[in-house]
């Protein structure tokens, strides 16, 4: 595994994996969707992930979100 994620990146990862859009995440954090996109890009780069489905699988594997029951 590469670099560790910041607390905010971990929060963004959980919310992206849970299915929230960048706009929804931005509203929650009172920031811009562009900032959320930057966090998402940094997360994917740090973890060597290439799309959202890989990001979701990573989150499930690392118990950041629960998979389907």
N, C-alpha and C. Protein backbone atom coordinates (compact mmCIF):
# COMPACT_ATOMS: atom_id res chain seq x y z
N UNK A 1 0.84 -1.19 0.00
CA UNK A 1 0.00 0.00 0.00
C UNK A 1 0.88 1.24 0.00
N UNK A 2 0.40 2.27 -0.65
CA UNK A 2 1.16 3.50 -0.77
C UNK A 2 1.05 4.36 0.47
N UNK A 3 0.93 5.64 0.23
CA UNK A 3 0.86 6.60 1.32
C UNK A 3 -0.43 6.42 2.11
N UNK A 4 -0.43 6.93 3.33
CA UNK A 4 -1.65 6.86 4.12
C UNK A 4 -2.56 8.02 3.76
N UNK A 5 -3.85 7.80 3.94
CA UNK A 5 -4.84 8.82 3.62
C UNK A 5 -5.03 9.77 4.79
N UNK A 6 -5.32 11.02 4.47
CA UNK A 6 -5.67 11.98 5.51
C UNK A 6 -7.05 11.62 6.06
N UNK A 7 -7.40 12.20 7.18
CA UNK A 7 -8.72 11.96 7.76
C UNK A 7 -9.81 12.36 6.76
N UNK A 8 -9.65 13.51 6.12
CA UNK A 8 -10.65 13.97 5.15
C UNK A 8 -10.74 13.01 3.97
N UNK A 9 -9.60 12.53 3.49
CA UNK A 9 -9.61 11.57 2.39
C UNK A 9 -10.34 10.29 2.79
N UNK A 10 -10.13 9.85 4.03
CA UNK A 10 -10.84 8.66 4.51
C UNK A 10 -12.35 8.91 4.52
N UNK A 11 -12.75 10.09 4.96
CA UNK A 11 -14.18 10.43 4.98
C UNK A 11 -14.75 10.46 3.56
N UNK A 12 -14.02 11.08 2.65
CA UNK A 12 -14.46 11.15 1.25
C UNK A 12 -14.55 9.74 0.66
N UNK A 13 -13.55 8.90 0.93
CA UNK A 13 -13.56 7.52 0.44
C UNK A 13 -14.81 6.80 0.91
N UNK A 14 -15.14 6.92 2.18
CA UNK A 14 -16.32 6.25 2.72
C UNK A 14 -17.59 6.73 2.03
N UNK A 15 -17.71 8.03 1.81
CA UNK A 15 -18.92 8.58 1.22
C UNK A 15 -19.03 8.26 -0.27
N UNK A 16 -17.91 8.31 -0.98
CA UNK A 16 -17.91 7.92 -2.40
C UNK A 16 -18.33 6.45 -2.52
N UNK A 17 -17.72 5.61 -1.67
CA UNK A 17 -18.01 4.18 -1.70
C UNK A 17 -19.47 3.90 -1.32
N UNK A 18 -20.05 4.77 -0.50
CA UNK A 18 -21.45 4.61 -0.10
C UNK A 18 -22.41 5.11 -1.18
N UNK A 19 -21.85 5.69 -2.25
CA UNK A 19 -22.69 6.08 -3.38
C UNK A 19 -23.03 7.55 -3.47
N UNK A 20 -22.46 8.38 -2.62
CA UNK A 20 -22.76 9.81 -2.69
C UNK A 20 -21.99 10.46 -3.85
N UNK A 21 -22.60 11.46 -4.44
CA UNK A 21 -21.95 12.19 -5.53
C UNK A 21 -20.99 13.22 -4.94
N UNK A 22 -20.12 13.74 -5.78
CA UNK A 22 -19.19 14.79 -5.33
C UNK A 22 -19.97 15.99 -4.81
N UNK A 23 -21.07 16.31 -5.48
CA UNK A 23 -21.89 17.45 -5.06
C UNK A 23 -22.48 17.21 -3.67
N UNK A 24 -22.97 16.00 -3.43
CA UNK A 24 -23.55 15.67 -2.12
C UNK A 24 -22.49 15.71 -1.02
N UNK A 25 -21.31 15.18 -1.33
CA UNK A 25 -20.22 15.18 -0.36
C UNK A 25 -19.79 16.63 -0.08
N UNK A 26 -19.71 17.43 -1.13
CA UNK A 26 -19.31 18.83 -0.97
C UNK A 26 -20.29 19.58 -0.07
N UNK A 27 -21.59 19.33 -0.25
CA UNK A 27 -22.59 19.98 0.60
C UNK A 27 -22.40 19.56 2.05
N UNK A 28 -22.14 18.30 2.27
CA UNK A 28 -21.95 17.78 3.62
C UNK A 28 -20.76 18.44 4.31
N UNK A 29 -19.67 18.66 3.56
CA UNK A 29 -18.46 19.25 4.13
C UNK A 29 -18.39 20.76 3.95
N UNK A 30 -19.43 21.33 3.36
CA UNK A 30 -19.47 22.78 3.08
C UNK A 30 -18.23 23.23 2.31
N UNK A 31 -17.98 22.50 1.21
CA UNK A 31 -16.86 22.83 0.33
C UNK A 31 -17.35 22.71 -1.10
N UNK A 32 -16.47 22.84 -2.06
CA UNK A 32 -16.90 22.76 -3.46
C UNK A 32 -16.76 21.34 -4.00
N UNK A 33 -17.59 20.99 -4.99
CA UNK A 33 -17.44 19.68 -5.62
C UNK A 33 -16.03 19.48 -6.19
N UNK A 34 -15.42 20.56 -6.63
CA UNK A 34 -14.07 20.47 -7.19
C UNK A 34 -13.07 20.01 -6.13
N UNK A 35 -13.23 20.50 -4.90
CA UNK A 35 -12.37 20.07 -3.79
C UNK A 35 -12.55 18.59 -3.54
N UNK A 36 -13.79 18.13 -3.58
CA UNK A 36 -14.08 16.70 -3.37
C UNK A 36 -13.42 15.88 -4.49
N UNK A 37 -13.51 16.36 -5.72
CA UNK A 37 -12.88 15.66 -6.85
C UNK A 37 -11.37 15.57 -6.64
N UNK A 38 -10.78 16.61 -6.09
CA UNK A 38 -9.34 16.59 -5.82
C UNK A 38 -9.02 15.53 -4.77
N UNK A 39 -9.82 15.47 -3.71
CA UNK A 39 -9.63 14.44 -2.70
C UNK A 39 -9.74 13.05 -3.33
N UNK A 40 -10.77 12.87 -4.17
CA UNK A 40 -10.99 11.57 -4.81
C UNK A 40 -9.79 11.19 -5.68
N UNK A 41 -9.29 12.15 -6.45
CA UNK A 41 -8.13 11.90 -7.32
C UNK A 41 -6.91 11.52 -6.47
N UNK A 42 -6.70 12.24 -5.36
CA UNK A 42 -5.57 11.95 -4.48
C UNK A 42 -5.70 10.56 -3.87
N UNK A 43 -6.90 10.20 -3.45
CA UNK A 43 -7.16 8.87 -2.86
C UNK A 43 -6.80 7.80 -3.88
N UNK A 44 -7.32 7.95 -5.09
CA UNK A 44 -7.10 6.93 -6.12
C UNK A 44 -5.62 6.82 -6.47
N UNK A 45 -4.94 7.95 -6.49
CA UNK A 45 -3.50 7.94 -6.79
C UNK A 45 -2.73 7.25 -5.66
N UNK A 46 -3.02 7.62 -4.41
CA UNK A 46 -2.31 7.04 -3.27
C UNK A 46 -2.54 5.53 -3.17
N UNK A 47 -3.75 5.09 -3.47
CA UNK A 47 -4.09 3.67 -3.31
C UNK A 47 -3.93 2.87 -4.61
N UNK A 48 -3.49 3.55 -5.68
CA UNK A 48 -3.33 2.91 -6.99
C UNK A 48 -4.63 2.26 -7.46
N UNK A 49 -5.72 3.04 -7.36
CA UNK A 49 -7.03 2.60 -7.85
C UNK A 49 -7.34 3.38 -9.11
N UNK A 50 -8.12 2.76 -10.00
CA UNK A 50 -8.31 3.39 -11.31
C UNK A 50 -9.74 3.77 -11.64
N UNK A 51 -10.70 3.34 -10.82
CA UNK A 51 -12.08 3.73 -11.06
C UNK A 51 -12.87 3.59 -9.76
N UNK A 52 -14.10 4.04 -9.79
CA UNK A 52 -14.91 4.06 -8.57
C UNK A 52 -15.21 2.65 -8.08
N UNK A 53 -15.39 1.70 -8.99
CA UNK A 53 -15.69 0.35 -8.52
C UNK A 53 -14.50 -0.25 -7.75
N UNK A 54 -13.28 0.05 -8.17
CA UNK A 54 -12.11 -0.40 -7.41
C UNK A 54 -12.08 0.28 -6.05
N UNK A 55 -12.47 1.54 -6.03
CA UNK A 55 -12.51 2.31 -4.79
C UNK A 55 -13.52 1.68 -3.82
N UNK A 56 -14.68 1.30 -4.34
CA UNK A 56 -15.71 0.67 -3.51
C UNK A 56 -15.21 -0.68 -2.98
N UNK A 57 -14.60 -1.47 -3.84
CA UNK A 57 -14.07 -2.77 -3.40
C UNK A 57 -13.02 -2.58 -2.30
N UNK A 58 -12.16 -1.59 -2.47
CA UNK A 58 -11.15 -1.28 -1.45
C UNK A 58 -11.84 -0.95 -0.12
N UNK A 59 -12.85 -0.11 -0.18
CA UNK A 59 -13.56 0.32 1.04
C UNK A 59 -14.22 -0.87 1.74
N UNK A 60 -14.80 -1.77 0.96
CA UNK A 60 -15.44 -2.96 1.55
C UNK A 60 -14.39 -3.88 2.16
N UNK A 61 -13.31 -4.13 1.41
CA UNK A 61 -12.25 -5.01 1.89
C UNK A 61 -11.63 -4.52 3.19
N UNK A 62 -11.53 -3.19 3.32
CA UNK A 62 -10.91 -2.61 4.51
C UNK A 62 -11.94 -2.20 5.55
N UNK A 63 -13.15 -2.72 5.40
CA UNK A 63 -14.22 -2.52 6.38
C UNK A 63 -14.55 -1.04 6.62
N UNK A 64 -14.39 -0.22 5.57
CA UNK A 64 -14.76 1.19 5.69
C UNK A 64 -16.25 1.38 5.46
N UNK A 65 -16.82 0.46 4.66
CA UNK A 65 -18.27 0.41 4.48
C UNK A 65 -18.65 -1.05 4.49
N UNK A 66 -19.91 -1.31 4.69
CA UNK A 66 -20.39 -2.69 4.68
C UNK A 66 -20.85 -3.05 3.28
N UNK A 67 -20.50 -4.24 2.85
CA UNK A 67 -20.97 -4.75 1.57
C UNK A 67 -22.43 -5.15 1.69
N UNK A 68 -23.00 -5.59 0.58
CA UNK A 68 -24.39 -6.06 0.59
C UNK A 68 -24.49 -7.27 1.49
N UNK A 69 -25.55 -7.32 2.25
CA UNK A 69 -25.78 -8.45 3.18
C UNK A 69 -26.25 -9.66 2.39
